[in-house]
Amino acid sequence: MNRYPRDWPLTSARIRFERASGRCECTGRCGLARPGGRCPAVQEQPHPDTGSVVGLTTAHLNHQP
């Protein structure tokens, strides 16, 4: 955790809930191609393909912190 800024929880929440509006931002990188682009998975709702409850996280797209 020492590699993350102090305000990481707030930054992560902004990304997940303001920018992404509580929806997955995946556009096929998960291996499930989506007509029209973006995955329909929504935070705390059953995933449309797996039925598992969705828990959004924030990741580095380029794998660099």
N, C-alpha and C. Protein backbone atom coordinates (compact mmCIF):
# COMPACT_ATOMS: atom_id res chain seq x y z
N MET A 1 0.82 -1.21 0.00
CA MET A 1 0.00 0.00 0.00
C MET A 1 0.85 1.26 0.00
N ASN A 2 2.13 1.16 0.38
CA ASN A 2 2.96 2.36 0.42
C ASN A 2 3.24 2.91 -0.98
N ARG A 3 2.88 2.17 -2.02
CA ARG A 3 3.07 2.67 -3.39
C ARG A 3 1.87 3.47 -3.88
N TYR A 4 0.80 3.49 -3.09
CA TYR A 4 -0.40 4.22 -3.47
C TYR A 4 -0.43 5.57 -2.75
N PRO A 5 -1.01 6.59 -3.37
CA PRO A 5 -1.14 7.87 -2.68
C PRO A 5 -2.10 7.76 -1.50
N ARG A 6 -1.96 8.67 -0.56
CA ARG A 6 -2.81 8.66 0.64
C ARG A 6 -4.29 8.70 0.32
N ASP A 7 -4.64 9.40 -0.72
CA ASP A 7 -6.05 9.55 -1.07
C ASP A 7 -6.54 8.46 -2.04
N TRP A 8 -5.84 7.33 -2.09
CA TRP A 8 -6.21 6.27 -3.03
C TRP A 8 -7.66 5.80 -2.89
N PRO A 9 -8.18 5.59 -1.68
CA PRO A 9 -9.58 5.16 -1.59
C PRO A 9 -10.54 6.15 -2.28
N LEU A 10 -10.30 7.43 -2.11
CA LEU A 10 -11.15 8.44 -2.76
C LEU A 10 -10.95 8.42 -4.28
N THR A 11 -9.71 8.33 -4.72
CA THR A 11 -9.41 8.27 -6.15
C THR A 11 -10.08 7.04 -6.78
N SER A 12 -9.94 5.90 -6.13
CA SER A 12 -10.54 4.67 -6.64
C SER A 12 -12.06 4.79 -6.71
N ALA A 13 -12.67 5.34 -5.68
CA ALA A 13 -14.13 5.51 -5.68
C ALA A 13 -14.57 6.45 -6.80
N ARG A 14 -13.82 7.52 -7.02
CA ARG A 14 -14.17 8.44 -8.12
C ARG A 14 -14.15 7.73 -9.46
N ILE A 15 -13.11 6.93 -9.67
CA ILE A 15 -13.00 6.21 -10.94
C ILE A 15 -14.16 5.23 -11.10
N ARG A 16 -14.45 4.45 -10.06
CA ARG A 16 -15.48 3.41 -10.15
C ARG A 16 -16.89 3.97 -10.23
N PHE A 17 -17.16 5.05 -9.49
CA PHE A 17 -18.55 5.49 -9.38
C PHE A 17 -18.87 6.80 -10.09
N GLU A 18 -17.90 7.68 -10.29
CA GLU A 18 -18.17 8.90 -11.07
C GLU A 18 -17.86 8.66 -12.54
N ARG A 19 -16.62 8.27 -12.83
CA ARG A 19 -16.24 8.07 -14.22
C ARG A 19 -16.98 6.89 -14.84
N ALA A 20 -16.99 5.74 -14.14
CA ALA A 20 -17.56 4.52 -14.71
C ALA A 20 -19.05 4.35 -14.40
N SER A 21 -19.60 5.21 -13.57
CA SER A 21 -21.03 5.15 -13.20
C SER A 21 -21.42 3.80 -12.62
N GLY A 22 -20.50 3.16 -11.87
CA GLY A 22 -20.82 1.89 -11.23
C GLY A 22 -20.89 0.70 -12.17
N ARG A 23 -20.36 0.87 -13.39
CA ARG A 23 -20.37 -0.19 -14.40
C ARG A 23 -18.96 -0.58 -14.78
N CYS A 24 -18.81 -1.83 -15.19
CA CYS A 24 -17.53 -2.31 -15.69
C CYS A 24 -17.15 -1.50 -16.93
N GLU A 25 -15.86 -1.16 -17.04
CA GLU A 25 -15.40 -0.43 -18.23
C GLU A 25 -14.74 -1.34 -19.25
N CYS A 26 -14.79 -2.64 -19.02
CA CYS A 26 -14.18 -3.60 -19.94
C CYS A 26 -14.86 -3.51 -21.30
N THR A 27 -14.04 -3.59 -22.33
CA THR A 27 -14.59 -3.59 -23.70
C THR A 27 -14.12 -4.83 -24.44
N GLY A 28 -14.05 -5.95 -23.74
CA GLY A 28 -13.67 -7.20 -24.37
C GLY A 28 -12.36 -7.79 -23.89
N ARG A 29 -11.60 -7.06 -23.09
CA ARG A 29 -10.32 -7.57 -22.58
C ARG A 29 -10.52 -8.79 -21.69
N CYS A 30 -11.71 -8.96 -21.16
CA CYS A 30 -12.01 -10.11 -20.30
C CYS A 30 -12.22 -11.38 -21.11
N GLY A 31 -12.25 -11.24 -22.43
CA GLY A 31 -12.48 -12.40 -23.29
C GLY A 31 -13.93 -12.56 -23.71
N LEU A 32 -14.80 -11.73 -23.19
CA LEU A 32 -16.21 -11.77 -23.56
C LEU A 32 -16.51 -10.57 -24.45
N ALA A 33 -16.50 -10.78 -25.75
CA ALA A 33 -16.76 -9.69 -26.69
C ALA A 33 -18.17 -9.18 -26.50
N ARG A 34 -18.33 -7.89 -26.59
CA ARG A 34 -19.64 -7.25 -26.39
C ARG A 34 -20.06 -6.48 -27.63
N PRO A 35 -21.18 -6.83 -28.21
CA PRO A 35 -21.69 -5.99 -29.30
C PRO A 35 -21.96 -4.60 -28.75
N GLY A 36 -21.46 -3.58 -29.40
CA GLY A 36 -21.68 -2.22 -28.93
C GLY A 36 -20.64 -1.78 -27.92
N GLY A 37 -19.70 -2.64 -27.54
CA GLY A 37 -18.59 -2.19 -26.70
C GLY A 37 -18.61 -2.62 -25.25
N ARG A 38 -19.04 -1.77 -24.39
CA ARG A 38 -18.84 -1.89 -22.95
C ARG A 38 -19.63 -3.02 -22.30
N CYS A 39 -19.00 -3.66 -21.34
CA CYS A 39 -19.62 -4.74 -20.57
C CYS A 39 -20.82 -4.20 -19.79
N PRO A 40 -21.90 -4.97 -19.69
CA PRO A 40 -23.08 -4.50 -18.97
C PRO A 40 -23.05 -4.77 -17.46
N ALA A 41 -21.94 -5.30 -16.93
CA ALA A 41 -21.87 -5.63 -15.50
C ALA A 41 -21.99 -4.37 -14.64
N VAL A 42 -22.78 -4.46 -13.55
CA VAL A 42 -23.04 -3.33 -12.66
C VAL A 42 -22.68 -3.71 -11.23
N GLN A 43 -22.08 -2.78 -10.51
CA GLN A 43 -21.68 -2.98 -9.12
C GLN A 43 -22.81 -3.56 -8.28
N GLU A 44 -22.49 -4.61 -7.51
CA GLU A 44 -23.40 -5.27 -6.57
C GLU A 44 -24.63 -5.91 -7.21
N GLN A 45 -24.58 -6.12 -8.53
CA GLN A 45 -25.65 -6.82 -9.23
C GLN A 45 -25.10 -8.12 -9.79
N PRO A 46 -25.95 -9.10 -10.07
CA PRO A 46 -25.46 -10.34 -10.69
C PRO A 46 -24.86 -10.04 -12.07
N HIS A 47 -23.71 -10.64 -12.35
CA HIS A 47 -23.08 -10.47 -13.67
C HIS A 47 -23.97 -11.14 -14.70
N PRO A 48 -24.21 -10.49 -15.86
CA PRO A 48 -25.13 -11.04 -16.85
C PRO A 48 -24.71 -12.39 -17.42
N ASP A 49 -23.42 -12.72 -17.38
CA ASP A 49 -22.96 -13.99 -17.93
C ASP A 49 -22.73 -15.06 -16.86
N THR A 50 -22.16 -14.64 -15.73
CA THR A 50 -21.77 -15.63 -14.72
C THR A 50 -22.75 -15.75 -13.57
N GLY A 51 -23.54 -14.71 -13.33
CA GLY A 51 -24.45 -14.70 -12.20
C GLY A 51 -23.79 -14.31 -10.89
N SER A 52 -22.47 -14.20 -10.88
CA SER A 52 -21.74 -13.78 -9.67
C SER A 52 -22.00 -12.30 -9.40
N VAL A 53 -22.04 -11.93 -8.13
CA VAL A 53 -22.24 -10.52 -7.77
C VAL A 53 -20.99 -9.74 -8.16
N VAL A 54 -21.18 -8.63 -8.83
CA VAL A 54 -20.08 -7.81 -9.34
C VAL A 54 -19.51 -6.93 -8.23
N GLY A 55 -18.20 -6.93 -8.11
CA GLY A 55 -17.48 -6.04 -7.20
C GLY A 55 -16.43 -5.30 -8.00
N LEU A 56 -16.69 -4.04 -8.29
CA LEU A 56 -15.75 -3.28 -9.12
C LEU A 56 -14.47 -2.97 -8.36
N THR A 57 -13.37 -3.00 -9.08
CA THR A 57 -12.07 -2.60 -8.55
C THR A 57 -11.43 -1.63 -9.52
N THR A 58 -10.35 -1.01 -9.11
CA THR A 58 -9.62 -0.09 -9.97
C THR A 58 -8.27 -0.72 -10.26
N ALA A 59 -7.90 -0.77 -11.53
CA ALA A 59 -6.63 -1.37 -11.93
C ALA A 59 -5.85 -0.40 -12.82
N HIS A 60 -4.56 -0.62 -12.87
CA HIS A 60 -3.70 0.15 -13.76
C HIS A 60 -3.76 -0.49 -15.15
N LEU A 61 -4.21 0.25 -16.13
CA LEU A 61 -4.34 -0.32 -17.47
C LEU A 61 -3.00 -0.70 -18.07
N ASN A 62 -1.94 0.01 -17.69
CA ASN A 62 -0.61 -0.30 -18.23
C ASN A 62 0.23 -1.11 -17.25
N HIS A 63 -0.35 -1.56 -16.17
CA HIS A 63 0.31 -2.37 -15.14
C HIS A 63 1.42 -1.63 -14.41
N GLN A 64 1.48 -0.32 -14.51
CA GLN A 64 2.45 0.49 -13.80
C GLN A 64 1.73 1.30 -12.74
N PRO A 65 2.17 1.21 -11.47
CA PRO A 65 1.51 2.01 -10.43
C PRO A 65 1.73 3.51 -10.62
